[in-house]
Amino acid sequence: GIDEAGRGPVIGPMVIAGVIISDDVELMELGVKDSKRLSPNRRSELFEEITEISDYSIRVIPAEEIDSLRKSTSLNKIESNNFASIIQELCSEGDVAYVDSASTDEKSFGLEIKNKVDQNVDIISKHEADDTYPIVSAASIIAKVRRDEEVQKISEKIGEDIGSGYPSDMKTRDFLNKWVAENDDLPPHARKSWQTCRDLINKSMNKSLDDF
């Protein structure tokens, strides 16, 4: 199962996680579910329990790398490339990989991943797979916990609570506006290619991001 956390934030990395297990009965017994339906404490507990009974792989894609890659490709392709990389690492011939589709076209997203994988692996690509398949729920938990850790590291380095990094988070918006007003620049780990980040900059400074 593969899922991501942090696709939409204006600050911080996107984290993609893959989990592989021979039978998901153990996961169901643990009570895994979409990470968004769990408290932070329960996610942390499940992270430890999942990683004890499964093999897993994590990709942390920093904001700066996302900005650089988006000059030549789409966010969906960034995801499909990393999904394929994780499948290549964890799966064997004949395995089945369940992925949370990043594209509106589930089938084409699955085929795109399959074409990047050497092994003969069946790809089940579905919207809200993290709410449907326990193995994808497990991956969503791993990705979310790791991203939260990365965001906490950013807050500690900056010396200020940046919130969740999502544009809908008032703490994040207040931090961005304050930082831009005081520094006439975007803070470290901000996704400069993000339209939401551009909008915040325009609103705060009446400037285009191209002015930086």
Protein backbone atom coordinates (compact mmCIF):
# COMPACT_ATOMS: atom_id res chain seq x y z
CA GLY A 1 0.00 0.00 0.00
CA ILE A 2 1.23 3.50 -0.86
CA ASP A 3 0.02 6.94 0.18
CA GLU A 4 1.33 10.46 0.64
CA ALA A 5 1.09 13.21 3.22
CA GLY A 6 1.70 16.87 2.48
CA ARG A 7 0.64 17.22 -1.13
CA GLY A 8 -0.97 20.62 -0.62
CA PRO A 9 0.99 22.58 2.02
CA VAL A 10 2.83 25.82 1.27
CA ILE A 11 5.59 24.93 3.72
CA GLY A 12 7.46 21.68 4.24
CA PRO A 13 8.00 18.43 2.39
CA MET A 14 5.70 15.92 0.82
CA VAL A 15 6.21 12.48 2.32
CA ILE A 16 5.35 9.27 0.48
CA ALA A 17 5.27 5.93 2.31
CA GLY A 18 4.88 2.34 1.23
CA VAL A 19 4.03 -0.58 3.48
CA ILE A 20 4.14 -4.26 2.51
CA ILE A 21 2.78 -7.19 4.51
CA SER A 22 1.74 -10.71 3.59
CA ASP A 23 -1.70 -10.48 5.23
CA ASP A 24 -3.53 -7.34 6.31
CA VAL A 25 -5.52 -9.13 9.05
CA GLU A 26 -2.92 -7.92 11.57
CA LEU A 27 -3.43 -4.36 10.37
CA MET A 28 -7.19 -4.64 10.78
CA GLU A 29 -6.69 -6.01 14.29
CA LEU A 30 -4.56 -2.96 15.08
CA GLY A 31 -7.43 -0.74 13.99
CA VAL A 32 -5.67 1.11 11.20
CA LYS A 33 -7.71 3.70 9.34
CA ASP A 34 -7.16 6.78 7.25
CA SER A 35 -4.61 8.86 9.20
CA LYS A 36 -6.92 11.89 9.08
CA ARG A 37 -9.41 9.95 11.24
CA LEU A 38 -6.88 9.36 14.01
CA SER A 39 -5.52 11.56 16.78
CA PRO A 40 -1.81 12.44 16.68
CA ASN A 41 -1.15 10.20 19.68
CA ARG A 42 -2.93 7.23 18.12
CA ARG A 43 -1.09 7.76 14.83
CA SER A 44 2.22 7.67 16.69
CA GLU A 45 1.23 4.48 18.50
CA LEU A 46 0.16 2.83 15.26
CA PHE A 47 3.36 3.96 13.53
CA GLU A 48 5.37 1.92 16.02
CA GLU A 49 3.05 -1.08 15.74
CA ILE A 50 2.91 -1.04 11.92
CA THR A 51 6.67 -0.77 11.49
CA GLU A 52 7.18 -3.73 13.82
CA ILE A 53 5.09 -6.12 11.71
CA SER A 54 5.78 -4.92 8.16
CA ASP A 55 8.46 -3.78 5.76
CA TYR A 56 8.16 -0.15 4.74
CA SER A 57 9.85 2.59 2.75
CA ILE A 58 9.64 6.37 3.02
CA ARG A 59 10.45 9.17 0.58
CA VAL A 60 10.79 12.72 1.92
CA ILE A 61 10.61 15.29 -0.88
CA PRO A 62 11.66 18.75 0.37
CA ALA A 63 9.91 21.93 -0.74
CA GLU A 64 13.00 23.03 -2.67
CA GLU A 65 13.03 19.77 -4.66
CA ILE A 66 9.31 20.05 -5.38
CA ASP A 67 9.82 23.59 -6.70
CA SER A 68 12.72 22.46 -8.89
CA LEU A 69 10.89 19.41 -10.28
CA ARG A 70 7.72 21.38 -11.03
CA LYS A 71 9.66 23.47 -13.53
CA SER A 72 9.61 20.47 -15.84
CA THR A 73 6.90 18.12 -14.56
CA SER A 74 3.63 17.92 -12.66
CA LEU A 75 3.01 17.07 -9.03
CA ASN A 76 1.12 13.94 -10.15
CA LYS A 77 4.21 12.74 -12.01
CA ILE A 78 6.41 13.47 -9.00
CA GLU A 79 4.07 11.22 -7.01
CA SER A 80 3.87 8.47 -9.65
CA ASN A 81 7.67 8.40 -9.95
CA ASN A 82 8.06 7.94 -6.20
CA PHE A 83 5.22 5.44 -5.99
CA ALA A 84 6.96 3.40 -8.69
CA SER A 85 10.29 3.68 -6.89
CA ILE A 86 8.78 2.32 -3.68
CA ILE A 87 7.04 -0.53 -5.52
CA GLN A 88 10.33 -1.35 -7.24
CA GLU A 89 12.02 -1.48 -3.83
CA LEU A 90 9.42 -3.45 -1.85
CA CYS A 91 7.52 -5.64 -4.29
CA SER A 92 8.31 -8.93 -5.98
CA GLU A 93 6.96 -10.49 -9.14
CA GLY A 94 3.23 -11.15 -8.84
CA ASP A 95 2.60 -8.85 -5.87
CA VAL A 96 -0.34 -6.45 -5.73
CA ALA A 97 0.17 -2.76 -4.90
CA TYR A 98 -2.73 -0.60 -3.74
CA VAL A 99 -2.19 3.13 -4.27
CA ASP A 100 -4.16 6.23 -3.40
CA SER A 101 -4.69 7.82 -6.83
CA ALA A 102 -3.31 11.33 -7.15
CA SER A 103 -5.06 11.80 -10.49
CA THR A 104 -8.73 12.29 -11.27
CA ASP A 105 -8.27 9.35 -13.66
CA GLU A 106 -7.58 6.39 -11.39
CA LYS A 107 -6.89 3.96 -14.24
CA SER A 108 -4.38 6.14 -16.08
CA PHE A 109 -2.54 6.90 -12.83
CA GLY A 110 -2.23 3.18 -12.13
CA LEU A 111 -0.99 2.47 -15.66
CA GLU A 112 1.52 5.30 -15.41
CA ILE A 113 2.99 3.71 -12.29
CA LYS A 114 2.93 0.20 -13.77
CA ASN A 115 4.88 1.36 -16.83
CA LYS A 116 7.69 2.56 -14.55
CA VAL A 117 8.04 -0.73 -12.66
CA ASP A 118 10.20 -3.60 -13.93
CA GLN A 119 8.39 -6.36 -12.04
CA ASN A 120 5.00 -7.71 -13.04
CA VAL A 121 3.03 -6.09 -10.22
CA ASP A 122 -0.71 -5.49 -10.32
CA ILE A 123 -1.52 -1.87 -9.49
CA ILE A 124 -4.88 -1.09 -7.87
CA SER A 125 -5.28 2.69 -8.11
CA LYS A 126 -8.28 4.16 -6.28
CA HIS A 127 -9.43 7.46 -4.86
CA GLU A 128 -9.67 7.42 -1.06
CA ALA A 129 -7.77 4.14 -0.99
CA ASP A 130 -6.53 5.15 2.46
CA ASP A 131 -10.13 4.90 3.66
CA THR A 132 -10.82 1.61 1.84
CA TYR A 133 -7.77 -0.65 2.09
CA PRO A 134 -6.07 -1.30 5.47
CA ILE A 135 -2.67 -1.56 3.78
CA VAL A 136 -3.06 1.95 2.35
CA SER A 137 -4.36 3.21 5.69
CA ALA A 138 -1.12 1.90 7.20
CA ALA A 139 0.91 3.76 4.57
CA SER A 140 -1.05 6.95 5.23
CA ILE A 141 -0.21 6.72 8.93
CA ILE A 142 3.50 6.22 8.25
CA ALA A 143 3.55 9.17 5.84
CA LYS A 144 1.59 11.49 8.13
CA VAL A 145 3.66 10.79 11.24
CA ARG A 146 6.91 11.28 9.33
CA ARG A 147 5.70 14.54 7.76
CA ASP A 148 4.62 15.87 11.15
CA GLU A 149 8.12 15.12 12.43
CA GLU A 150 9.65 16.99 9.50
CA VAL A 151 7.42 20.03 10.09
CA GLN A 152 8.37 20.02 13.77
CA LYS A 153 12.06 20.06 12.77
CA ILE A 154 11.40 23.09 10.56
CA SER A 155 9.67 24.92 13.43
CA GLU A 156 12.61 24.16 15.71
CA LYS A 157 15.18 25.39 13.15
CA ILE A 158 13.25 28.60 12.52
CA GLY A 159 12.56 29.07 16.21
CA GLU A 160 8.86 29.64 15.72
CA ASP A 161 5.76 27.47 15.45
CA ILE A 162 4.85 27.41 11.74
CA GLY A 163 1.67 25.40 12.25
CA SER A 164 0.86 22.51 9.93
CA GLY A 165 2.22 24.20 6.82
CA TYR A 166 -1.18 24.15 5.11
CA PRO A 167 -2.57 27.42 3.71
CA SER A 168 -5.86 26.83 5.52
CA ASP A 169 -4.01 26.87 8.86
CA MET A 170 -4.23 30.38 10.34
CA LYS A 171 -1.04 29.80 12.32
CA THR A 172 0.80 29.03 9.07
CA ARG A 173 -0.71 32.05 7.31
CA ASP A 174 0.17 34.36 10.20
CA PHE A 175 3.73 33.01 10.23
CA LEU A 176 4.13 33.56 6.47
CA ASN A 177 2.72 37.07 6.55
CA LYS A 178 4.90 38.05 9.50
CA TRP A 179 8.03 36.52 7.97
CA VAL A 180 7.54 38.25 4.61
CA ALA A 181 6.81 41.60 6.28
CA GLU A 182 9.96 41.37 8.41
CA ASN A 183 12.35 39.78 5.87
CA ASP A 184 11.06 40.89 2.47
CA ASP A 185 11.44 37.28 1.37
CA LEU A 186 9.87 33.87 1.76
CA PRO A 187 10.94 31.69 4.70
CA PRO A 188 13.04 28.54 4.32
CA HIS A 189 11.10 25.46 3.22
CA ALA A 190 8.29 27.48 1.59
CA ARG A 191 7.06 26.12 -1.75
CA LYS A 192 7.70 29.10 -4.01
CA SER A 193 5.98 27.40 -6.96
CA TRP A 194 2.70 27.05 -5.04
CA GLN A 195 -0.12 29.30 -6.19
CA THR A 196 -1.36 29.54 -2.63
CA CYS A 197 2.10 30.76 -1.58
CA ARG A 198 2.12 33.27 -4.44
CA ASP A 199 -1.30 34.54 -3.40
CA LEU A 200 -0.12 35.04 0.17
CA ILE A 201 2.95 36.94 -1.02
CA ASN A 202 0.90 39.11 -3.36
CA LYS A 203 -1.54 39.93 -0.59
CA SER A 204 1.18 40.72 1.93
CA MET A 205 3.49 42.75 -0.26
CA ASN A 206 1.57 43.75 -3.38
CA LYS A 207 4.42 42.14 -5.28
CA SER A 208 4.68 39.24 -7.67
CA LEU A 209 6.78 36.29 -6.61
CA ASP A 210 8.77 36.98 -9.80
CA ASP A 211 10.08 40.14 -8.07
CA PHE A 212 12.17 38.06 -5.69
